[in-house]
Amino acid sequence: MYKKREFLGKIFFASAVLILIYMFITPASHVLIHVDEYWTYSLVNLPFMQGMTVAAHDVHPPLYYLILYLFTPFGLGNIFILKIASIIPYILLMFVSYFKIRKDYNWLTAGLFIFCIGAMSDFFVEFLTMRMYSWGLFFVIMAFIYFRDVVENWDQKSWAFLTLFTLLSAYTQYLFAISCGLIYLSVLYRILKSEDVKAHLKQFAFSVISLVVLYAPWMVVLVHQLKTHPSTGNELPQLTGIFNYLTVFAVKNPDLSFEMVIFKIIALMFLFMILLLIYKNRAEYEANGILIMFVTIAVSVFVIMGSARDINTRYLLPVLGIFWLCASITIGKLENNKILAIMLALVIVLAGISVFITQDDITDRFEFNDRKSSFLESINNNGSVIVYDTDFGYQVLHDDLNKTKQYSIKDTYFYDNDTKISGNLDKIIDKNQDKDIYLVLWENLDQYKKYNLDEKFKSGYGVYQINI
């Protein structure tokens, strides 16, 4: 098997190509499902300056939306075109695997890596989701790749690429900056161990100062976003949540049913063997990657998000990619036939488990989408009044409720002329006593308790619920 590493790598790479082809032909590449996708779709179909104003009031940096606006000549109203924008990072990583990872390591590492990036956890779904996470995956992976080049070569080219991809990561999603910050701490650690500390510290300082200067224009917006969207997480980590985060690199589903527990145990076994091999080989670079993954999860989930109960794989996608690069490098170095066979077998088993979970996930999403569409069609008529408590709800649903009379309780920056602004729900009810009134809630339901609302529809892929 060791002698066939190159052939095996090509098989895995060819499998990744098939995954890519399927991304283009699956029905999931034509349908909006998660409410955040509706938000993206609505935002980028606004005029550019208005869209950027909306982005500044959101909780994310603007780079992903700027990338989507580059697709304007192809028609932003085309869902398939916007979905392709999320597939592009997988294509770019495929080129990186072939031209750089294969050159730096071997065919097995390159093939394994790009296959696992397409097949494991919920990667496949995120490559078909109109959000910024697949782009963040690409930028953070590239930063991690050039981290190795920096500490091996200390050349200007490597420093330039590390700085560039770190900046792009921070402009894509704030949590991605945590991983890049940890990469820089790892670089600093290597500098302090090097023979030419002074010269390397100058390079390090120049890179950090460049990042600060280039990110400074957005800092004003970031401060505004922190004030208007404060963190609400306050739950202590749960043991089951920690178990899920230890295995999310391969098993996305947070459920603890019997079969999922078995799947997670297999994932833990794989993780333990990777860690053992890294320790045995004293592989510092791969050890850095695993450490970056776990510290990023700890900081972003336990501290910032404030809860370990919910697996938000899309938030963690970039560091899960780092894990699979490190795992692929580790497996690619194996010379013992038996251990290599065991590790490849575990990869195939975990990939099969992930495909099974992903297929169930996609099926559930389509079933949910059908239920949602049927419900919205049933209330989309001139006998219905829709009241939004935030403009987020309006952006997601107003196109589907275009035959109704629409109001908003809050006046912000997102409404067209089809919606009236009225901060008084009682007045809206008095004016429309002959109609069915529906309240689309995104915020705290408690403030509307006095109206004795009955829940009619609750989103399974977002947070809104529709009450009457």
Foldseek 3Di string as FASTA:
>chain_A
DLVCLLVLLVVLLVVLVVLLVVLLVDPLLQDAFFLVLLVLLLLLPDPPVLSVVVVLQAQAFCPLSVLLVVCVVVPSNGSNSLLVSLLVLLVVLLVCLVPPVCVVFHSQLSSQLSSLCCQFFQNVSRSRGNALLSVLLSLLVQLLVLLVVCLVPVDPVSLVSNLVSLLVNCNRGPLSNLLSVLSLVVSLVSLVVDPPNVVSVVSSVVSVVVSCVVCVVCVVSNVVNCVVDPADAAAAEDPLLVLQLQQSLGHVDSDDDPVSVVLSVLSVVLVVVLVVLCVVVVPVSLVSLVVSLVVSCCCCVCPRNNYSRDRPPSSSSNSSSSNSSSSSSSLSPDDDPVVNVVNVVSSVVSSVNSVVVNVVVVVVSVVLVVVVLVVLVVQQAAQEEEEEADVSQCSSPCVSNVHYQYEYLDDDSNDDPSYHYHVDVVVVCVVNVRGHYKYKDDDDPVVVVVVVWDWDAARPNHGITITD
